Amino acid sequence: MRPILYHGSGYNQKELMPGFKRSGVIVRWDKTESNEWLYATTDKQEAIGQAFASMMEKVRGITRYKAHGNVIELSVPENRIPARSDMETLEIYLYTITNLEQDEWVKNDNAHNKLLTEWKTQSTISAGIRMQEQIDLHLWLATKRLSFNFDDDEKQRPSYLDW
């Protein structure tokens, strides 16, 4: 049985595809993952979190994202912590995907990120998109504790700031 998959994105799209197909530039994130693949998960919250992380990196310059339970750790450059209201204005979309045989989804066993629910494909997905919804980040973030990681020895600030 093929599981239902979820993909989070900061983009409102009619079809989903690996980032490389849009940009023409290969980006490697770790030893096993790159934008040559489109990633999805069987966990809705994980998909939303990954989209949030991606948009925070693109728009707000975060350098690291880690989630465990309702705690989200964000590493920010030069102690530039974005206002929560700014984070809530990001556009995030959740796609519900039927895992069709033709789309060639494979289980992604990445020891680096330890996500046991992750799948990937190099296909362009259109027929498999069952639903698309915009996520209300004000509501989604309301249940999260944000932890910001930064180092500023000169100003003797703490390593973490929690919201």
N, C-alpha and C. Protein backbone atom coordinates (compact mmCIF):
# COMPACT_ATOMS: atom_id res chain seq x y z
N MET A 1 0.84 -1.20 0.00
CA MET A 1 0.00 0.00 0.00
C MET A 1 0.88 1.25 0.00
N ARG A 2 0.57 2.16 -0.86
CA ARG A 2 1.34 3.41 -0.98
C ARG A 2 0.74 4.47 -0.05
N PRO A 3 1.56 5.08 0.80
CA PRO A 3 1.03 6.08 1.74
C PRO A 3 0.70 7.41 1.07
N ILE A 4 -0.21 8.15 1.69
CA ILE A 4 -0.47 9.53 1.29
C ILE A 4 0.74 10.35 1.72
N LEU A 5 1.17 11.27 0.86
CA LEU A 5 2.34 12.10 1.15
C LEU A 5 1.94 13.56 1.25
N TYR A 6 2.78 14.33 1.95
CA TYR A 6 2.57 15.77 2.11
C TYR A 6 3.85 16.49 1.75
N HIS A 7 3.69 17.57 1.01
CA HIS A 7 4.82 18.41 0.64
C HIS A 7 4.49 19.84 1.03
N GLY A 8 5.38 20.49 1.76
CA GLY A 8 5.20 21.89 2.11
C GLY A 8 6.04 22.76 1.20
N SER A 9 5.51 23.91 0.84
CA SER A 9 6.22 24.80 -0.07
C SER A 9 5.84 26.25 0.21
N GLY A 10 6.74 27.13 -0.12
CA GLY A 10 6.45 28.56 -0.03
C GLY A 10 5.86 29.08 -1.33
N TYR A 11 5.56 28.19 -2.25
CA TYR A 11 5.09 28.60 -3.57
C TYR A 11 3.75 27.97 -3.90
N ASN A 12 2.89 28.76 -4.50
CA ASN A 12 1.58 28.33 -4.95
C ASN A 12 1.77 27.82 -6.38
N GLN A 13 1.70 26.49 -6.57
CA GLN A 13 2.05 25.89 -7.85
C GLN A 13 0.98 24.90 -8.32
N LYS A 14 0.87 24.72 -9.61
CA LYS A 14 -0.04 23.73 -10.18
C LYS A 14 0.63 22.37 -10.29
N GLU A 15 1.97 22.37 -10.35
CA GLU A 15 2.73 21.12 -10.39
C GLU A 15 3.95 21.26 -9.49
N LEU A 16 4.38 20.13 -8.96
CA LEU A 16 5.54 20.10 -8.08
C LEU A 16 6.67 19.38 -8.79
N MET A 17 7.89 19.87 -8.59
CA MET A 17 9.05 19.25 -9.23
C MET A 17 10.30 19.56 -8.41
N PRO A 18 11.35 18.76 -8.61
CA PRO A 18 12.61 19.08 -7.94
C PRO A 18 13.07 20.49 -8.31
N GLY A 19 13.64 21.20 -7.33
CA GLY A 19 14.08 22.58 -7.54
C GLY A 19 15.04 22.74 -8.70
N PHE A 20 15.86 21.73 -8.94
CA PHE A 20 16.82 21.78 -10.05
C PHE A 20 16.12 21.97 -11.39
N LYS A 21 14.94 21.39 -11.55
CA LYS A 21 14.22 21.52 -12.81
C LYS A 21 13.79 22.97 -13.07
N ARG A 22 13.57 23.72 -12.00
CA ARG A 22 13.17 25.13 -12.15
C ARG A 22 14.37 26.06 -12.29
N SER A 23 15.40 25.79 -11.47
CA SER A 23 16.54 26.72 -11.42
C SER A 23 17.67 26.38 -12.38
N GLY A 24 17.82 25.10 -12.71
CA GLY A 24 18.95 24.68 -13.54
C GLY A 24 20.26 24.59 -12.77
N VAL A 25 20.19 24.84 -11.46
CA VAL A 25 21.39 24.82 -10.61
C VAL A 25 21.23 23.73 -9.55
N ILE A 26 22.23 22.86 -9.43
CA ILE A 26 22.19 21.81 -8.42
C ILE A 26 22.70 22.36 -7.09
N VAL A 27 21.93 22.12 -6.02
CA VAL A 27 22.31 22.52 -4.67
C VAL A 27 22.34 21.26 -3.82
N ARG A 28 23.45 21.01 -3.13
CA ARG A 28 23.57 19.84 -2.25
C ARG A 28 23.49 20.32 -0.80
N TRP A 29 22.57 19.69 -0.02
CA TRP A 29 22.36 20.08 1.37
C TRP A 29 23.17 19.22 2.34
N ASP A 30 23.39 17.98 1.98
CA ASP A 30 24.23 17.10 2.79
C ASP A 30 24.74 16.01 1.87
N LYS A 31 25.30 14.96 2.41
CA LYS A 31 25.92 13.92 1.58
C LYS A 31 24.92 13.15 0.72
N THR A 32 23.66 13.17 1.10
CA THR A 32 22.67 12.36 0.37
C THR A 32 21.52 13.16 -0.24
N GLU A 33 21.34 14.43 0.12
CA GLU A 33 20.19 15.17 -0.37
C GLU A 33 20.61 16.38 -1.21
N SER A 34 19.80 16.62 -2.25
CA SER A 34 20.04 17.77 -3.12
C SER A 34 18.70 18.18 -3.74
N ASN A 35 18.73 19.30 -4.46
CA ASN A 35 17.51 19.77 -5.12
C ASN A 35 17.25 19.03 -6.44
N GLU A 36 17.98 17.94 -6.67
CA GLU A 36 17.70 17.08 -7.81
C GLU A 36 16.45 16.22 -7.54
N TRP A 37 15.99 16.25 -6.30
CA TRP A 37 14.85 15.47 -5.86
C TRP A 37 13.77 16.38 -5.29
N LEU A 38 12.52 15.94 -5.38
CA LEU A 38 11.39 16.55 -4.70
C LEU A 38 11.14 15.69 -3.47
N TYR A 39 11.01 16.31 -2.31
CA TYR A 39 10.84 15.57 -1.06
C TYR A 39 9.43 15.74 -0.52
N ALA A 40 8.93 14.69 0.10
CA ALA A 40 7.62 14.71 0.74
C ALA A 40 7.70 13.81 1.97
N THR A 41 6.68 13.87 2.79
CA THR A 41 6.66 13.09 4.03
C THR A 41 5.25 12.58 4.29
N THR A 42 5.15 11.58 5.13
CA THR A 42 3.83 11.07 5.53
C THR A 42 3.29 11.85 6.73
N ASP A 43 4.04 12.83 7.22
CA ASP A 43 3.69 13.61 8.41
C ASP A 43 3.37 15.05 8.01
N LYS A 44 2.11 15.46 8.14
CA LYS A 44 1.69 16.81 7.76
C LYS A 44 2.51 17.90 8.46
N GLN A 45 2.69 17.76 9.78
CA GLN A 45 3.41 18.78 10.54
C GLN A 45 4.86 18.91 10.08
N GLU A 46 5.46 17.80 9.74
CA GLU A 46 6.84 17.82 9.23
C GLU A 46 6.90 18.57 7.90
N ALA A 47 5.93 18.34 7.04
CA ALA A 47 5.89 19.02 5.74
C ALA A 47 5.75 20.53 5.92
N ILE A 48 4.88 20.93 6.83
CA ILE A 48 4.70 22.37 7.09
C ILE A 48 6.00 22.95 7.67
N GLY A 49 6.61 22.22 8.61
CA GLY A 49 7.86 22.68 9.21
C GLY A 49 8.97 22.83 8.20
N GLN A 50 9.08 21.90 7.27
CA GLN A 50 10.13 21.99 6.25
C GLN A 50 9.89 23.19 5.33
N ALA A 51 8.64 23.45 5.00
CA ALA A 51 8.32 24.63 4.18
C ALA A 51 8.65 25.91 4.94
N PHE A 52 8.30 25.94 6.22
CA PHE A 52 8.61 27.10 7.06
C PHE A 52 10.13 27.32 7.10
N ALA A 53 10.88 26.26 7.30
CA ALA A 53 12.34 26.36 7.35
C ALA A 53 12.90 26.88 6.03
N SER A 54 12.40 26.35 4.93
CA SER A 54 12.87 26.77 3.62
C SER A 54 12.62 28.26 3.37
N MET A 55 11.42 28.71 3.71
CA MET A 55 11.10 30.12 3.50
C MET A 55 11.86 31.03 4.47
N MET A 56 12.06 30.57 5.69
CA MET A 56 12.85 31.35 6.65
C MET A 56 14.30 31.49 6.15
N GLU A 57 14.80 30.46 5.53
CA GLU A 57 16.15 30.53 4.97
C GLU A 57 16.20 31.51 3.80
N LYS A 58 15.23 31.40 2.89
CA LYS A 58 15.21 32.26 1.70
C LYS A 58 14.94 33.72 2.03
N VAL A 59 13.98 33.96 2.93
CA VAL A 59 13.51 35.32 3.18
C VAL A 59 14.18 35.98 4.39
N ARG A 60 14.46 35.22 5.43
CA ARG A 60 14.98 35.79 6.67
C ARG A 60 16.43 35.40 6.96
N GLY A 61 17.04 34.57 6.12
CA GLY A 61 18.45 34.26 6.25
C GLY A 61 18.85 33.30 7.36
N ILE A 62 17.92 32.49 7.87
CA ILE A 62 18.33 31.54 8.91
C ILE A 62 19.33 30.57 8.31
N THR A 63 20.22 30.05 9.14
CA THR A 63 21.26 29.15 8.65
C THR A 63 21.05 27.71 9.10
N ARG A 64 20.12 27.48 10.02
CA ARG A 64 19.87 26.12 10.50
C ARG A 64 18.46 26.04 11.08
N TYR A 65 17.82 24.90 10.86
CA TYR A 65 16.47 24.64 11.37
C TYR A 65 16.47 23.24 11.95
N LYS A 66 15.92 23.10 13.13
CA LYS A 66 15.79 21.79 13.75
C LYS A 66 14.49 21.80 14.55
N ALA A 67 13.69 20.75 14.37
CA ALA A 67 12.43 20.66 15.10
C ALA A 67 12.37 19.36 15.86
N HIS A 68 11.87 19.44 17.07
CA HIS A 68 11.59 18.25 17.87
C HIS A 68 10.36 18.55 18.70
N GLY A 69 9.30 17.78 18.41
CA GLY A 69 8.03 18.06 19.06
C GLY A 69 7.53 19.44 18.65
N ASN A 70 7.14 20.25 19.63
CA ASN A 70 6.67 21.61 19.35
C ASN A 70 7.76 22.66 19.50
N VAL A 71 9.01 22.23 19.60
CA VAL A 71 10.13 23.15 19.72
C VAL A 71 10.82 23.28 18.36
N ILE A 72 11.00 24.51 17.92
CA ILE A 72 11.71 24.79 16.67
C ILE A 72 12.95 25.60 17.01
N GLU A 73 14.11 25.08 16.63
CA GLU A 73 15.37 25.79 16.82
C GLU A 73 15.79 26.42 15.50
N LEU A 74 16.06 27.71 15.54
CA LEU A 74 16.49 28.45 14.36
C LEU A 74 17.83 29.13 14.65
N SER A 75 18.78 28.97 13.76
CA SER A 75 20.05 29.68 13.89
C SER A 75 19.97 30.91 13.00
N VAL A 76 20.27 32.05 13.58
CA VAL A 76 20.15 33.31 12.85
C VAL A 76 21.51 33.98 12.73
N PRO A 77 21.80 34.58 11.58
CA PRO A 77 23.08 35.26 11.40
C PRO A 77 23.09 36.60 12.13
N GLU A 78 24.22 36.94 12.69
CA GLU A 78 24.45 38.25 13.30
C GLU A 78 23.35 38.65 14.28
N ASN A 79 22.79 37.68 14.97
CA ASN A 79 21.78 37.94 16.00
C ASN A 79 20.54 38.66 15.48
N ARG A 80 20.24 38.51 14.21
CA ARG A 80 19.07 39.17 13.62
C ARG A 80 17.84 38.29 13.78
N ILE A 81 17.17 38.44 14.89
CA ILE A 81 15.99 37.65 15.17
C ILE A 81 14.78 38.36 14.55
N PRO A 82 14.08 37.67 13.64
CA PRO A 82 12.92 38.32 13.02
C PRO A 82 11.77 38.44 14.00
N ALA A 83 10.96 39.46 13.80
CA ALA A 83 9.76 39.61 14.62
C ALA A 83 8.80 38.47 14.30
N ARG A 84 8.12 37.99 15.31
CA ARG A 84 7.16 36.90 15.10
C ARG A 84 6.12 37.30 14.05
N SER A 85 5.69 38.55 14.09
CA SER A 85 4.70 39.01 13.11
C SER A 85 5.24 38.91 11.68
N ASP A 86 6.55 39.12 11.49
CA ASP A 86 7.15 38.98 10.17
C ASP A 86 7.14 37.51 9.72
N MET A 87 7.41 36.61 10.66
CA MET A 87 7.41 35.19 10.32
C MET A 87 6.00 34.73 9.96
N GLU A 88 5.01 35.29 10.62
CA GLU A 88 3.62 34.89 10.39
C GLU A 88 3.10 35.34 9.03
N THR A 89 3.78 36.27 8.37
CA THR A 89 3.33 36.75 7.06
C THR A 89 3.86 35.91 5.91
N LEU A 90 4.76 34.96 6.19
CA LEU A 90 5.26 34.10 5.12
C LEU A 90 4.11 33.27 4.55
N GLU A 91 4.15 33.03 3.25
CA GLU A 91 3.13 32.19 2.63
C GLU A 91 3.66 30.77 2.56
N ILE A 92 2.89 29.84 3.13
CA ILE A 92 3.25 28.43 3.15
C ILE A 92 2.05 27.64 2.62
N TYR A 93 2.32 26.70 1.74
CA TYR A 93 1.27 25.85 1.18
C TYR A 93 1.57 24.39 1.51
N LEU A 94 0.52 23.65 1.81
CA LEU A 94 0.64 22.22 2.07
C LEU A 94 -0.07 21.47 0.94
N TYR A 95 0.67 20.58 0.30
CA TYR A 95 0.14 19.77 -0.78
C TYR A 95 -0.08 18.35 -0.27
N THR A 96 -1.26 17.81 -0.51
CA THR A 96 -1.55 16.41 -0.21
C THR A 96 -1.40 15.65 -1.53
N ILE A 97 -0.58 14.61 -1.50
CA ILE A 97 -0.18 13.93 -2.74
C ILE A 97 -0.54 12.45 -2.67
N THR A 98 -1.18 11.98 -3.73
CA THR A 98 -1.39 10.55 -3.89
C THR A 98 -0.08 9.96 -4.41
N ASN A 99 0.38 8.94 -3.76
CA ASN A 99 1.65 8.30 -4.11
C ASN A 99 1.41 7.36 -5.30
N LEU A 100 1.42 7.93 -6.51
CA LEU A 100 1.15 7.16 -7.72
C LEU A 100 2.40 6.43 -8.18
N GLU A 101 2.20 5.23 -8.69
CA GLU A 101 3.33 4.42 -9.16
C GLU A 101 4.11 5.15 -10.25
N GLN A 102 3.42 5.84 -11.14
CA GLN A 102 4.07 6.55 -12.24
C GLN A 102 5.01 7.66 -11.77
N ASP A 103 4.80 8.16 -10.55
CA ASP A 103 5.64 9.25 -10.04
C ASP A 103 6.94 8.76 -9.41
N GLU A 104 7.07 7.45 -9.26
CA GLU A 104 8.32 6.82 -8.81
C GLU A 104 8.86 7.36 -7.49
N TRP A 105 7.96 7.50 -6.51
CA TRP A 105 8.39 7.89 -5.16
C TRP A 105 9.18 6.74 -4.53
N VAL A 106 10.28 7.07 -3.88
CA VAL A 106 11.07 6.07 -3.15
C VAL A 106 11.28 6.54 -1.72
N LYS A 107 11.33 5.60 -0.81
CA LYS A 107 11.59 5.92 0.61
C LYS A 107 12.99 6.50 0.72
N ASN A 108 13.12 7.59 1.44
CA ASN A 108 14.41 8.26 1.60
C ASN A 108 14.97 7.93 2.98
N ASP A 109 15.90 7.04 3.03
CA ASP A 109 16.52 6.66 4.31
C ASP A 109 17.80 7.47 4.50
N ASN A 110 17.64 8.71 4.94
CA ASN A 110 18.77 9.60 5.12
C ASN A 110 19.21 9.57 6.58
N ALA A 111 20.35 8.96 6.83
CA ALA A 111 20.87 8.87 8.20
C ALA A 111 21.24 10.25 8.74
N HIS A 112 21.50 11.22 7.86
CA HIS A 112 21.92 12.55 8.29
C HIS A 112 20.80 13.30 9.01
N ASN A 113 19.58 13.29 8.43
CA ASN A 113 18.50 14.05 9.06
C ASN A 113 17.54 13.18 9.88
N LYS A 114 17.69 11.88 9.80
CA LYS A 114 16.94 10.93 10.62
C LYS A 114 15.42 11.05 10.47
N LEU A 115 14.96 11.54 9.32
CA LEU A 115 13.52 11.62 9.07
C LEU A 115 13.06 10.29 8.51
N LEU A 116 12.33 9.55 9.31
CA LEU A 116 11.89 8.22 8.91
C LEU A 116 10.64 8.24 8.05
N THR A 117 10.05 9.40 7.89
CA THR A 117 8.79 9.54 7.15
C THR A 117 8.99 10.15 5.77
N GLU A 118 10.23 10.32 5.36
CA GLU A 118 10.53 11.08 4.14
C GLU A 118 10.59 10.19 2.89
N TRP A 119 10.05 10.72 1.80
CA TRP A 119 10.06 10.09 0.49
C TRP A 119 10.61 11.09 -0.51
N LYS A 120 11.06 10.61 -1.67
CA LYS A 120 11.59 11.52 -2.69
C LYS A 120 11.31 10.98 -4.09
N THR A 121 11.31 11.89 -5.07
CA THR A 121 11.13 11.54 -6.47
C THR A 121 11.86 12.56 -7.34
N GLN A 122 12.19 12.15 -8.54
CA GLN A 122 12.74 13.09 -9.52
C GLN A 122 11.70 13.46 -10.56
N SER A 123 10.48 13.00 -10.36
CA SER A 123 9.38 13.26 -11.30
C SER A 123 8.75 14.63 -11.05
N THR A 124 8.06 15.12 -12.06
CA THR A 124 7.20 16.29 -11.92
C THR A 124 5.81 15.77 -11.56
N ILE A 125 5.23 16.31 -10.49
CA ILE A 125 3.97 15.82 -9.95
C ILE A 125 2.85 16.79 -10.30
N SER A 126 1.83 16.30 -10.96
CA SER A 126 0.63 17.12 -11.21
C SER A 126 -0.62 16.27 -10.95
N ALA A 127 -0.75 15.12 -11.59
CA ALA A 127 -1.93 14.27 -11.40
C ALA A 127 -2.04 13.79 -9.96
N GLY A 128 -0.91 13.64 -9.27
CA GLY A 128 -0.92 13.13 -7.91
C GLY A 128 -1.32 14.14 -6.85
N ILE A 129 -1.41 15.42 -7.21
CA ILE A 129 -1.79 16.44 -6.23
C ILE A 129 -3.29 16.33 -5.96
N ARG A 130 -3.64 15.91 -4.74
CA ARG A 130 -5.05 15.74 -4.35
C ARG A 130 -5.63 17.04 -3.82
N MET A 131 -4.80 17.80 -3.10
CA MET A 131 -5.30 19.00 -2.44
C MET A 131 -4.13 19.96 -2.18
N GLN A 132 -4.46 21.23 -2.17
CA GLN A 132 -3.50 22.26 -1.81
C GLN A 132 -4.19 23.22 -0.85
N GLU A 133 -3.52 23.55 0.24
CA GLU A 133 -4.10 24.51 1.19
C GLU A 133 -3.03 25.47 1.68
N GLN A 134 -3.43 26.72 1.89
CA GLN A 134 -2.50 27.70 2.47
C GLN A 134 -2.56 27.55 3.98
N ILE A 135 -1.39 27.55 4.60
CA ILE A 135 -1.29 27.37 6.05
C ILE A 135 -1.33 28.73 6.73
N ASP A 136 -2.13 28.83 7.77
CA ASP A 136 -2.18 30.05 8.59
C ASP A 136 -1.04 29.95 9.60
N LEU A 137 0.06 30.64 9.32
CA LEU A 137 1.24 30.55 10.19
C LEU A 137 1.00 31.15 11.57
N HIS A 138 0.08 32.08 11.68
CA HIS A 138 -0.24 32.62 13.01
C HIS A 138 -0.77 31.48 13.90
N LEU A 139 -1.67 30.68 13.37
CA LEU A 139 -2.21 29.54 14.13
C LEU A 139 -1.17 28.44 14.30
N TRP A 140 -0.41 28.14 13.25
CA TRP A 140 0.57 27.06 13.33
C TRP A 140 1.68 27.39 14.33
N LEU A 141 2.17 28.62 14.29
CA LEU A 141 3.25 29.02 15.21
C LEU A 141 2.76 29.18 16.65
N ALA A 142 1.47 29.39 16.84
CA ALA A 142 0.92 29.57 18.20
C ALA A 142 1.19 28.36 19.08
N THR A 143 1.32 27.19 18.48
CA THR A 143 1.55 25.96 19.26
C THR A 143 3.03 25.61 19.38
N LYS A 144 3.89 26.47 18.85
CA LYS A 144 5.33 26.17 18.82
C LYS A 144 6.11 27.06 19.79
N ARG A 145 7.20 26.51 20.30
CA ARG A 145 8.16 27.31 21.05
C ARG A 145 9.37 27.51 20.14
N LEU A 146 9.69 28.77 19.87
CA LEU A 146 10.81 29.09 19.00
C LEU A 146 12.05 29.33 19.84
N SER A 147 13.14 28.72 19.43
CA SER A 147 14.41 28.88 20.12
C SER A 147 15.43 29.38 19.10
N PHE A 148 16.00 30.55 19.37
CA PHE A 148 16.96 31.14 18.44
C PHE A 148 18.38 30.93 18.95
N ASN A 149 19.20 30.43 18.08
CA ASN A 149 20.60 30.16 18.40
C ASN A 149 21.46 31.23 17.75
N PHE A 150 22.33 31.83 18.54
CA PHE A 150 23.28 32.79 17.99
C PHE A 150 24.49 32.87 18.91
N ASP A 151 25.58 33.31 18.37
CA ASP A 151 26.81 33.49 19.14
C ASP A 151 27.27 34.93 18.99
N ASP A 152 27.43 35.59 20.08
CA ASP A 152 27.93 36.96 20.07
C ASP A 152 28.74 37.16 21.34
N ASP A 153 29.97 36.69 21.33
CA ASP A 153 30.81 36.75 22.52
C ASP A 153 31.14 38.18 22.94
N GLU A 154 31.25 39.10 21.96
CA GLU A 154 31.58 40.49 22.29
C GLU A 154 30.52 41.12 23.19
N LYS A 155 29.27 40.85 22.90
CA LYS A 155 28.18 41.46 23.66
C LYS A 155 27.75 40.59 24.82
N GLN A 156 28.37 39.45 24.98
CA GLN A 156 28.08 38.51 26.06
C GLN A 156 26.59 38.20 26.16
N ARG A 157 26.02 37.91 25.01
CA ARG A 157 24.61 37.53 24.97
C ARG A 157 24.48 36.02 25.13
N PRO A 158 23.32 35.56 25.51
CA PRO A 158 23.16 34.10 25.66
C PRO A 158 23.22 33.40 24.31
N SER A 159 23.47 32.12 24.34
CA SER A 159 23.52 31.33 23.10
C SER A 159 22.13 31.10 22.53
N TYR A 160 21.11 31.11 23.39
CA TYR A 160 19.75 30.84 22.94
C TYR A 160 18.79 31.89 23.49
N LEU A 161 17.78 32.16 22.72
CA LEU A 161 16.67 33.01 23.16
C LEU A 161 15.40 32.25 22.82
N ASP A 162 14.56 32.00 23.80
CA ASP A 162 13.33 31.25 23.57
C ASP A 162 12.13 32.17 23.56
N TRP A 163 11.16 31.88 22.68
CA TRP A 163 9.87 32.56 22.65
C TRP A 163 8.81 31.57 23.04
